[in-house]
Amino acid sequence: MIDLHIHSKFSDGSDTTDEILKKVQQKNISAISLTDHDTTFGVLEIIENAKKYNIKIVPGIEISSVSNGHLIHILGYNIDIKNSQLQDLLSITAKYFNKTFLERYYWLEKNHYIDFDINKIISYSQFKQAMSLSDILKAMIEDGLPYTLNDWPIFFDKYIKYYKSDFIEKFPIHPSEAVEVINQARGLSTFAHPARIGLESDIKEMEILLPYGLKGIEVYYPYHDSVLVNRYEDFAKKHDLIKTGGTDWHGKELTTWNVEIGDYGVNQLPF
């Protein structure tokens, strides 16, 4: 399988780019795409590191957006990571993510859910474009506290989920903008894991994006059973869209579904 949905430490994954490549080599996978959330910071590094493994890297991205109250992710493949419009959009999302991260952190601290120095979290995450909630736990581990990344589901349920926010309501990017920017960066825009927004909305939201130049659907995905695969294959055929797939890998500890790199994907590159 060619796995077209992989995350690294540059967004909310736990693996370095080299750790990803070693796993890919062990599975004898010929090509992958690094699709970190809302950043291209790891793309050049993984392309360079992949040379010693003879693995093809498709430059990728997964852009966050909101439509009709749904958090929608748009994947981009074969993007020009230097495209100014793409980087401008990623700067907007990074600013928003960092702002909301700090709001959540200070609420958790004020309400005595956590007691950990914000400067340490920032220090341990300084190589990233935007901080994510899992960086709190990562920083605690780096600082020597007795946790592992396997504690993330417990950590989230015990602390993070109690913070209520208007994160969705104020999100600055609509999926149509993500699609247009990916296309302007000479990439192929793909609707990520459509079933995760619910069967009442998946087709409707994809149809909204067709006039803006949506090019594909992530058909093959851990949450998609055979019925859903048929549903999305039919939609792709009807609208002449490419079909992509991947594991949505976040690292062994942070991938909360039972998969390994390469368990889902495509047999050959569809572009």
C-alpha atoms as a PDB file:
ATOM      1  CA  MET A   1       0.000   0.000   0.000  1.00  0.00           C
ATOM      2  CA  ILE A   2       1.024   3.584  -0.696  1.00  0.00           C
ATOM      3  CA  ASP A   3       0.022   5.459   2.457  1.00  0.00           C
ATOM      4  CA  LEU A   4      -1.112   8.995   1.632  1.00  0.00           C
ATOM      5  CA  HIS A   5      -2.071  10.168   5.125  1.00  0.00           C
ATOM      6  CA  ILE A   6       0.752  10.384   7.675  1.00  0.00           C
ATOM      7  CA  HIS A   7       1.514  12.885  10.466  1.00  0.00           C
ATOM      8  CA  SER A   8       4.804  13.644  12.212  1.00  0.00           C
ATOM      9  CA  LYS A   9       6.077  15.592  15.219  1.00  0.00           C
ATOM     10  CA  PHE A  10       5.776  18.734  13.102  1.00  0.00           C
ATOM     11  CA  SER A  11       2.010  18.687  13.776  1.00  0.00           C
ATOM     12  CA  ASP A  12       0.259  16.370  16.224  1.00  0.00           C
ATOM     13  CA  GLY A  13       2.110  13.116  15.583  1.00  0.00           C
ATOM     14  CA  SER A  14       4.794  11.518  17.743  1.00  0.00           C
ATOM     15  CA  ASP A  15       7.288  10.265  15.121  1.00  0.00           C
ATOM     16  CA  THR A  16      10.227  12.092  13.614  1.00  0.00           C
ATOM     17  CA  THR A  17      10.457  11.983   9.834  1.00  0.00           C
ATOM     18  CA  ASP A  18      13.259   9.420  10.065  1.00  0.00           C
ATOM     19  CA  GLU A  19      11.210   7.195  12.368  1.00  0.00           C
ATOM     20  CA  ILE A  20       8.395   7.317   9.823  1.00  0.00           C
ATOM     21  CA  LEU A  21      10.742   6.363   7.001  1.00  0.00           C
ATOM     22  CA  LYS A  22      12.165   3.404   8.938  1.00  0.00           C
ATOM     23  CA  LYS A  23       8.634   2.063   9.453  1.00  0.00           C
ATOM     24  CA  VAL A  24       7.864   2.605   5.772  1.00  0.00           C
ATOM     25  CA  GLN A  25      11.038   0.766   4.744  1.00  0.00           C
ATOM     26  CA  GLN A  26      10.191  -2.168   7.040  1.00  0.00           C
ATOM     27  CA  LYS A  27       6.778  -2.459   5.351  1.00  0.00           C
ATOM     28  CA  ASN A  28       8.421  -2.285   1.902  1.00  0.00           C
ATOM     29  CA  ILE A  29       6.276   0.704   0.905  1.00  0.00           C
ATOM     30  CA  SER A  30       7.492   2.520  -2.206  1.00  0.00           C
ATOM     31  CA  ALA A  31       5.885   5.931  -1.637  1.00  0.00           C
ATOM     32  CA  ILE A  32       4.134   7.968   1.052  1.00  0.00           C
ATOM     33  CA  SER A  33       2.838  11.459   1.652  1.00  0.00           C
ATOM     34  CA  LEU A  34       3.563  13.482   4.765  1.00  0.00           C
ATOM     35  CA  THR A  35       0.304  15.359   5.395  1.00  0.00           C
ATOM     36  CA  ASP A  36       0.889  17.237   8.614  1.00  0.00           C
ATOM     37  CA  HIS A  37      -1.911  19.414   9.934  1.00  0.00           C
ATOM     38  CA  ASP A  38      -1.687  22.995   8.683  1.00  0.00           C
ATOM     39  CA  THR A  39       2.078  23.046   8.164  1.00  0.00           C
ATOM     40  CA  THR A  40       4.685  22.095   5.573  1.00  0.00           C
ATOM     41  CA  PHE A  41       7.601  22.396   8.010  1.00  0.00           C
ATOM     42  CA  GLY A  42       8.520  18.695   7.741  1.00  0.00           C
ATOM     43  CA  VAL A  43       8.247  18.249   3.985  1.00  0.00           C
ATOM     44  CA  LEU A  44      11.762  19.239   2.905  1.00  0.00           C
ATOM     45  CA  GLU A  45      13.274  17.241   5.768  1.00  0.00           C
ATOM     46  CA  ILE A  46      11.431  14.031   4.909  1.00  0.00           C
ATOM     47  CA  ILE A  47      12.217  14.422   1.195  1.00  0.00           C
ATOM     48  CA  GLU A  48      15.913  14.729   2.025  1.00  0.00           C
ATOM     49  CA  ASN A  49      15.873  11.857   4.535  1.00  0.00           C
ATOM     50  CA  ALA A  50      13.956   9.613   2.110  1.00  0.00           C
ATOM     51  CA  LYS A  51      16.834   9.603  -0.377  1.00  0.00           C
ATOM     52  CA  LYS A  52      18.796   7.094   1.698  1.00  0.00           C
ATOM     53  CA  TYR A  53      15.766   4.776   1.805  1.00  0.00           C
ATOM     54  CA  ASN A  54      14.852   5.152  -1.892  1.00  0.00           C
ATOM     55  CA  ILE A  55      11.283   6.092  -0.916  1.00  0.00           C
ATOM     56  CA  LYS A  56       9.233   8.518  -2.999  1.00  0.00           C
ATOM     57  CA  ILE A  57       7.708  11.393  -1.038  1.00  0.00           C
ATOM     58  CA  VAL A  58       4.591  13.188  -2.230  1.00  0.00           C
ATOM     59  CA  PRO A  59       4.645  16.721  -0.740  1.00  0.00           C
ATOM     60  CA  GLY A  60       1.409  16.985   1.226  1.00  0.00           C
ATOM     61  CA  ILE A  61      -0.687  18.959   3.681  1.00  0.00           C
ATOM     62  CA  GLU A  62      -3.913  18.548   5.667  1.00  0.00           C
ATOM     63  CA  ILE A  63      -5.670  21.880   6.043  1.00  0.00           C
ATOM     64  CA  SER A  64      -8.233  22.442   8.780  1.00  0.00           C
ATOM     65  CA  SER A  65     -11.442  24.295   7.942  1.00  0.00           C
ATOM     66  CA  VAL A  66     -15.033  24.664   9.105  1.00  0.00           C
ATOM     67  CA  SER A  67     -18.338  24.534   7.242  1.00  0.00           C
ATOM     68  CA  ASN A  68     -21.835  24.426   8.725  1.00  0.00           C
ATOM     69  CA  GLY A  69     -20.442  23.608  12.159  1.00  0.00           C
ATOM     70  CA  HIS A  70     -18.291  20.729  10.891  1.00  0.00           C
ATOM     71  CA  LEU A  71     -14.514  20.585  11.249  1.00  0.00           C
ATOM     72  CA  ILE A  72     -13.472  19.534   7.746  1.00  0.00           C
ATOM     73  CA  HIS A  73      -9.979  18.537   6.686  1.00  0.00           C
ATOM     74  CA  ILE A  74      -8.785  19.017   3.132  1.00  0.00           C
ATOM     75  CA  LEU A  75      -5.738  17.048   2.018  1.00  0.00           C
ATOM     76  CA  GLY A  76      -3.410  18.473  -0.616  1.00  0.00           C
ATOM     77  CA  TYR A  77      -0.983  16.416  -2.704  1.00  0.00           C
ATOM     78  CA  ASN A  78       1.958  17.378  -4.923  1.00  0.00           C
ATOM     79  CA  ILE A  79       1.762  20.903  -3.559  1.00  0.00           C
ATOM     80  CA  ASP A  80       4.313  23.624  -4.121  1.00  0.00           C
ATOM     81  CA  ILE A  81       5.207  24.245  -0.483  1.00  0.00           C
ATOM     82  CA  LYS A  82       6.763  27.619  -1.363  1.00  0.00           C
ATOM     83  CA  ASN A  83       3.518  28.969  -2.801  1.00  0.00           C
ATOM     84  CA  SER A  84       2.866  32.311  -1.093  1.00  0.00           C
ATOM     85  CA  GLN A  85      -0.928  31.959  -0.970  1.00  0.00           C
ATOM     86  CA  LEU A  86      -0.618  28.548   0.674  1.00  0.00           C
ATOM     87  CA  GLN A  87       1.850  29.838   3.247  1.00  0.00           C
ATOM     88  CA  ASP A  88      -0.312  32.889   3.942  1.00  0.00           C
ATOM     89  CA  LEU A  89      -3.279  30.634   4.691  1.00  0.00           C
ATOM     90  CA  LEU A  90      -1.154  28.397   6.935  1.00  0.00           C
ATOM     91  CA  SER A  91       0.019  31.483   8.831  1.00  0.00           C
ATOM     92  CA  ILE A  92      -3.610  32.412   9.496  1.00  0.00           C
ATOM     93  CA  THR A  93      -4.433  28.960  10.853  1.00  0.00           C
ATOM     94  CA  ALA A  94      -1.222  28.815  12.915  1.00  0.00           C
ATOM     95  CA  LYS A  95      -2.045  32.144  14.532  1.00  0.00           C
ATOM     96  CA  TYR A  96      -5.536  30.901  15.362  1.00  0.00           C
ATOM     97  CA  PHE A  97      -4.329  27.551  16.719  1.00  0.00           C
ATOM     98  CA  ASN A  98      -1.695  29.193  18.926  1.00  0.00           C
ATOM     99  CA  LYS A  99      -4.213  31.719  20.236  1.00  0.00           C
ATOM    100  CA  THR A 100      -6.776  29.056  21.119  1.00  0.00           C
ATOM    101  CA  PHE A 101      -4.092  26.773  22.557  1.00  0.00           C
ATOM    102  CA  LEU A 102      -3.010  29.476  24.993  1.00  0.00           C
ATOM    103  CA  GLU A 103      -6.619  30.201  25.928  1.00  0.00           C
ATOM    104  CA  ARG A 104      -7.146  26.527  26.740  1.00  0.00           C
ATOM    105  CA  TYR A 105      -3.868  26.240  28.633  1.00  0.00           C
ATOM    106  CA  TYR A 106      -4.584  29.246  30.877  1.00  0.00           C
ATOM    107  CA  TRP A 107      -8.122  28.006  31.558  1.00  0.00           C
ATOM    108  CA  LEU A 108      -6.777  24.579  32.561  1.00  0.00           C
ATOM    109  CA  GLU A 109      -4.160  26.211  34.784  1.00  0.00           C
ATOM    110  CA  LYS A 110      -6.631  28.642  36.379  1.00  0.00           C
ATOM    111  CA  ASN A 111      -9.038  25.805  37.178  1.00  0.00           C
ATOM    112  CA  HIS A 112      -6.234  23.619  38.590  1.00  0.00           C
ATOM    113  CA  TYR A 113      -6.467  20.885  35.963  1.00  0.00           C
ATOM    114  CA  ILE A 114      -2.769  21.244  35.150  1.00  0.00           C
ATOM    115  CA  ASP A 115       0.254  22.748  36.879  1.00  0.00           C
ATOM    116  CA  PHE A 116       3.037  22.893  34.322  1.00  0.00           C
ATOM    117  CA  ASP A 117       5.095  25.847  33.096  1.00  0.00           C
ATOM    118  CA  ILE A 118       3.823  27.198  29.754  1.00  0.00           C
ATOM    119  CA  ASN A 119       7.371  28.262  28.834  1.00  0.00           C
ATOM    120  CA  LYS A 120       8.495  24.636  28.919  1.00  0.00           C
ATOM    121  CA  ILE A 121       5.694  23.660  26.538  1.00  0.00           C
ATOM    122  CA  ILE A 122       6.688  26.460  24.178  1.00  0.00           C
ATOM    123  CA  SER A 123      10.360  25.483  24.433  1.00  0.00           C
ATOM    124  CA  TYR A 124       9.706  21.836  23.632  1.00  0.00           C
ATOM    125  CA  SER A 125       7.437  22.811  20.697  1.00  0.00           C
ATOM    126  CA  GLN A 126       9.508  25.621  19.227  1.00  0.00           C
ATOM    127  CA  PHE A 127      10.279  23.696  16.015  1.00  0.00           C
ATOM    128  CA  LYS A 128       6.551  23.620  15.150  1.00  0.00           C
ATOM    129  CA  GLN A 129       4.387  26.150  13.340  1.00  0.00           C
ATOM    130  CA  ALA A 130       1.510  25.751  15.799  1.00  0.00           C
ATOM    131  CA  MET A 131       1.048  24.070  19.159  1.00  0.00           C
ATOM    132  CA  SER A 132      -1.505  21.320  19.754  1.00  0.00           C
ATOM    133  CA  LEU A 133      -3.067  20.052  22.969  1.00  0.00           C
ATOM    134  CA  SER A 134      -0.971  16.890  22.962  1.00  0.00           C
ATOM    135  CA  ASP A 135       2.110  19.134  23.285  1.00  0.00           C
ATOM    136  CA  ILE A 136       1.181  19.629  26.941  1.00  0.00           C
ATOM    137  CA  LEU A 137       1.666  15.925  27.622  1.00  0.00           C
ATOM    138  CA  LYS A 138       4.713  15.724  25.336  1.00  0.00           C
ATOM    139  CA  ALA A 139       6.376  18.550  27.264  1.00  0.00           C
ATOM    140  CA  MET A 140       5.627  16.871  30.599  1.00  0.00           C
ATOM    141  CA  ILE A 141       7.284  13.669  29.333  1.00  0.00           C
ATOM    142  CA  GLU A 142      10.297  15.608  27.997  1.00  0.00           C
ATOM    143  CA  ASP A 143      10.597  17.220  31.434  1.00  0.00           C
ATOM    144  CA  GLY A 144      10.834  13.825  33.118  1.00  0.00           C
ATOM    145  CA  LEU A 145       7.334  13.459  34.546  1.00  0.00           C
ATOM    146  CA  PRO A 146       6.089   9.854  34.841  1.00  0.00           C
ATOM    147  CA  TYR A 147       3.843   9.752  31.768  1.00  0.00           C
ATOM    148  CA  THR A 148       3.972   8.150  28.332  1.00  0.00           C
ATOM    149  CA  LEU A 149       2.126   9.107  25.164  1.00  0.00           C
ATOM    150  CA  ASN A 150      -0.087   6.083  25.809  1.00  0.00           C
ATOM    151  CA  ASP A 151      -1.603   8.198  28.593  1.00  0.00           C
ATOM    152  CA  TRP A 152      -3.001  10.711  26.090  1.00  0.00           C
ATOM    153  CA  PRO A 153      -6.599   9.331  25.975  1.00  0.00           C
ATOM    154  CA  ILE A 154      -6.739   9.337  29.795  1.00  0.00           C
ATOM    155  CA  PHE A 155      -5.093  12.755  29.963  1.00  0.00           C
ATOM    156  CA  PHE A 156      -7.604  14.159  27.485  1.00  0.00           C
ATOM    157  CA  ASP A 157     -10.630  12.678  29.260  1.00  0.00           C
ATOM    158  CA  LYS A 158      -9.415  13.796  32.682  1.00  0.00           C
ATOM    159  CA  TYR A 159      -8.441  17.367  31.787  1.00  0.00           C
ATOM    160  CA  ILE A 160      -8.763  18.690  28.258  1.00  0.00           C
ATOM    161  CA  LYS A 161     -12.368  17.813  27.453  1.00  0.00           C
ATOM    162  CA  TYR A 162     -13.743  20.021  30.226  1.00  0.00           C
ATOM    163  CA  TYR A 163     -12.744  23.210  28.444  1.00  0.00           C
ATOM    164  CA  LYS A 164     -15.643  24.577  26.374  1.00  0.00           C
ATOM    165  CA  SER A 165     -14.852  27.011  23.603  1.00  0.00           C
ATOM    166  CA  ASP A 166     -16.122  28.643  20.434  1.00  0.00           C
ATOM    167  CA  PHE A 167     -13.181  27.186  18.492  1.00  0.00           C
ATOM    168  CA  ILE A 168     -15.436  25.909  15.678  1.00  0.00           C
ATOM    169  CA  GLU A 169     -17.661  28.966  15.472  1.00  0.00           C
ATOM    170  CA  LYS A 170     -14.736  31.375  15.035  1.00  0.00           C
ATOM    171  CA  PHE A 171     -12.538  29.223  12.820  1.00  0.00           C
ATOM    172  CA  PRO A 172     -11.112  31.480  10.085  1.00  0.00           C
ATOM    173  CA  ILE A 173     -10.956  29.116   7.103  1.00  0.00           C
ATOM    174  CA  HIS A 174     -13.774  27.618   4.982  1.00  0.00           C
ATOM    175  CA  PRO A 175     -13.110  24.382   3.034  1.00  0.00           C
ATOM    176  CA  SER A 176     -13.619  26.224  -0.261  1.00  0.00           C
ATOM    177  CA  GLU A 177     -10.634  28.439   0.609  1.00  0.00           C
ATOM    178  CA  ALA A 178      -8.509  25.396   1.411  1.00  0.00           C
ATOM    179  CA  VAL A 179      -9.458  23.753  -1.901  1.00  0.00           C
ATOM    180  CA  GLU A 180      -8.712  26.883  -3.921  1.00  0.00           C
ATOM    181  CA  VAL A 181      -5.380  27.517  -2.218  1.00  0.00           C
ATOM    182  CA  ILE A 182      -4.226  23.912  -2.714  1.00  0.00           C
ATOM    183  CA  ASN A 183      -5.175  24.132  -6.373  1.00  0.00           C
ATOM    184  CA  GLN A 184      -3.340  27.464  -6.683  1.00  0.00           C
ATOM    185  CA  ALA A 185      -0.276  25.739  -5.194  1.00  0.00           C
ATOM    186  CA  ARG A 186      -0.488  23.306  -8.137  1.00  0.00           C
ATOM    187  CA  GLY A 187      -1.693  20.557  -5.819  1.00  0.00           C
ATOM    188  CA  LEU A 188      -4.608  18.140  -5.825  1.00  0.00           C
ATOM    189  CA  SER A 189      -7.252  18.878  -3.187  1.00  0.00           C
ATOM    190  CA  THR A 190      -8.908  15.874  -1.542  1.00  0.00           C
ATOM    191  CA  PHE A 191     -11.737  15.658   0.998  1.00  0.00           C
ATOM    192  CA  ALA A 192     -10.325  13.794   4.023  1.00  0.00           C
ATOM    193  CA  HIS A 193     -12.185  10.980   5.840  1.00  0.00           C
ATOM    194  CA  PRO A 194     -15.711  12.166   4.890  1.00  0.00           C
ATOM    195  CA  ALA A 195     -17.517   9.681   7.158  1.00  0.00           C
ATOM    196  CA  ARG A 196     -16.093  11.401  10.233  1.00  0.00           C
ATOM    197  CA  ILE A 197     -18.468  14.338   9.780  1.00  0.00           C
ATOM    198  CA  GLY A 198     -21.503  12.033   9.578  1.00  0.00           C
ATOM    199  CA  LEU A 199     -23.583  10.527   6.806  1.00  0.00           C
ATOM    200  CA  GLU A 200     -26.097  13.357   7.027  1.00  0.00           C
ATOM    201  CA  SER A 201     -23.454  15.842   5.876  1.00  0.00           C
ATOM    202  CA  ASP A 202     -20.624  14.072   4.025  1.00  0.00           C
ATOM    203  CA  ILE A 203     -22.055  14.145   0.496  1.00  0.00           C
ATOM    204  CA  LYS A 204     -23.565  17.625   0.962  1.00  0.00           C
ATOM    205  CA  GLU A 205     -20.266  19.117   2.073  1.00  0.00           C
ATOM    206  CA  MET A 206     -18.357  17.500  -0.784  1.00  0.00           C
ATOM    207  CA  GLU A 207     -20.918  18.748  -3.302  1.00  0.00           C
ATOM    208  CA  ILE A 208     -20.438  22.292  -1.985  1.00  0.00           C
ATOM    209  CA  LEU A 209     -16.746  22.060  -2.893  1.00  0.00           C
ATOM    210  CA  LEU A 210     -17.098  20.710  -6.433  1.00  0.00           C
ATOM    211  CA  PRO A 211     -17.491  24.171  -8.049  1.00  0.00           C
ATOM    212  CA  TYR A 212     -14.349  25.328  -6.228  1.00  0.00           C
ATOM    213  CA  GLY A 213     -12.234  22.606  -7.818  1.00  0.00           C
ATOM    214  CA  LEU A 214     -12.232  19.670  -5.388  1.00  0.00           C
ATOM    215  CA  LYS A 215     -10.180  16.968  -7.090  1.00  0.00           C
ATOM    216  CA  GLY A 216     -10.555  13.882  -4.917  1.00  0.00           C
ATOM    217  CA  ILE A 217     -11.913  11.937  -1.943  1.00  0.00           C
ATOM    218  CA  GLU A 218     -10.108   9.933   0.706  1.00  0.00           C
ATOM    219  CA  VAL A 219     -11.993   6.704   0.067  1.00  0.00           C
ATOM    220  CA  TYR A 220      -9.760   4.128   1.768  1.00  0.00           C
ATOM    221  CA  TYR A 221      -9.512   4.901   5.468  1.00  0.00           C
ATOM    222  CA  PRO A 222      -9.659   2.984   8.791  1.00  0.00           C
ATOM    223  CA  TYR A 223     -13.204   4.222   9.603  1.00  0.00           C
ATOM    224  CA  HIS A 224     -14.587   3.321   6.180  1.00  0.00           C
ATOM    225  CA  ASP A 225     -16.130  -0.138   5.966  1.00  0.00           C
ATOM    226  CA  SER A 226     -17.080  -1.729   2.636  1.00  0.00           C
ATOM    227  CA  VAL A 227     -20.437   0.078   2.548  1.00  0.00           C
ATOM    228  CA  LEU A 228     -18.767   3.465   3.004  1.00  0.00           C
ATOM    229  CA  VAL A 229     -16.038   2.630   0.506  1.00  0.00           C
ATOM    230  CA  ASN A 230     -18.725   1.844  -2.087  1.00  0.00           C
ATOM    231  CA  ARG A 231     -20.520   5.084  -1.188  1.00  0.00           C
ATOM    232  CA  TYR A 232     -17.412   7.190  -1.804  1.00  0.00           C
ATOM    233  CA  GLU A 233     -16.235   5.221  -4.836  1.00  0.00           C
ATOM    234  CA  ASP A 234     -19.620   5.899  -6.438  1.00  0.00           C
ATOM    235  CA  PHE A 235     -19.396   9.622  -5.630  1.00  0.00           C
ATOM    236  CA  ALA A 236     -15.852   9.784  -7.019  1.00  0.00           C
ATOM    237  CA  LYS A 237     -16.897   8.037 -10.230  1.00  0.00           C
ATOM    238  CA  LYS A 238     -19.957  10.280 -10.667  1.00  0.00           C
ATOM    239  CA  HIS A 239     -17.881  13.461 -10.372  1.00  0.00           C
ATOM    240  CA  ASP A 240     -14.632  12.215 -11.953  1.00  0.00           C
ATOM    241  CA  LEU A 241     -12.614  12.571  -8.736  1.00  0.00           C
ATOM    242  CA  ILE A 242      -9.429  10.776  -7.784  1.00  0.00           C
ATOM    243  CA  LYS A 243      -9.586   8.210  -4.958  1.00  0.00           C
ATOM    244  CA  THR A 244      -6.946   8.398  -2.220  1.00  0.00           C
ATOM    245  CA  GLY A 245      -6.361   6.576   1.045  1.00  0.00           C
ATOM    246  CA  GLY A 246      -4.189   6.282   4.102  1.00  0.00           C
ATOM    247  CA  THR A 247      -3.951   5.301   7.739  1.00  0.00           C
ATOM    248  CA  ASP A 248      -4.003   8.790   9.277  1.00  0.00           C
ATOM    249  CA  TRP A 249      -0.914   7.689  11.216  1.00  0.00           C
ATOM    250  CA  HIS A 250       0.029   9.797  14.244  1.00  0.00           C
ATOM    251  CA  GLY A 251       2.598   7.471  15.787  1.00  0.00           C
ATOM    252  CA  LYS A 252       2.183   4.260  17.754  1.00  0.00           C
ATOM    253  CA  GLU A 253       0.911   5.934  20.917  1.00  0.00           C
ATOM    254  CA  LEU A 254      -1.186   8.735  19.404  1.00  0.00           C
ATOM    255  CA  THR A 255      -2.912   6.711  16.678  1.00  0.00           C
ATOM    256  CA  THR A 256      -6.043   5.666  18.547  1.00  0.00           C
ATOM    257  CA  TRP A 257      -7.301   3.233  15.881  1.00  0.00           C
ATOM    258  CA  ASN A 258      -5.734  -0.186  15.387  1.00  0.00           C
ATOM    259  CA  VAL A 259      -3.550   0.320  12.306  1.00  0.00           C
ATOM    260  CA  GLU A 260       0.071   0.457  11.234  1.00  0.00           C
ATOM    261  CA  ILE A 261       1.559   2.575   8.467  1.00  0.00           C
ATOM    262  CA  GLY A 262       0.551   1.082   5.126  1.00  0.00           C
ATOM    263  CA  ASP A 263      -2.510  -0.825   6.355  1.00  0.00           C
ATOM    264  CA  TYR A 264      -4.684   1.580   4.326  1.00  0.00           C
ATOM    265  CA  GLY A 265      -3.836   3.420   1.158  1.00  0.00           C
ATOM    266  CA  VAL A 266      -3.754   2.898  -2.599  1.00  0.00           C
ATOM    267  CA  ASN A 267      -1.958   0.335  -4.754  1.00  0.00           C
ATOM    268  CA  GLN A 268      -0.543   3.001  -7.046  1.00  0.00           C
ATOM    269  CA  LEU A 269      -0.340   6.768  -7.016  1.00  0.00           C
ATOM    270  CA  PRO A 270      -3.603   8.152  -8.435  1.00  0.00           C
ATOM    271  CA  PHE A 271      -1.949  11.347  -9.732  1.00  0.00           C
END
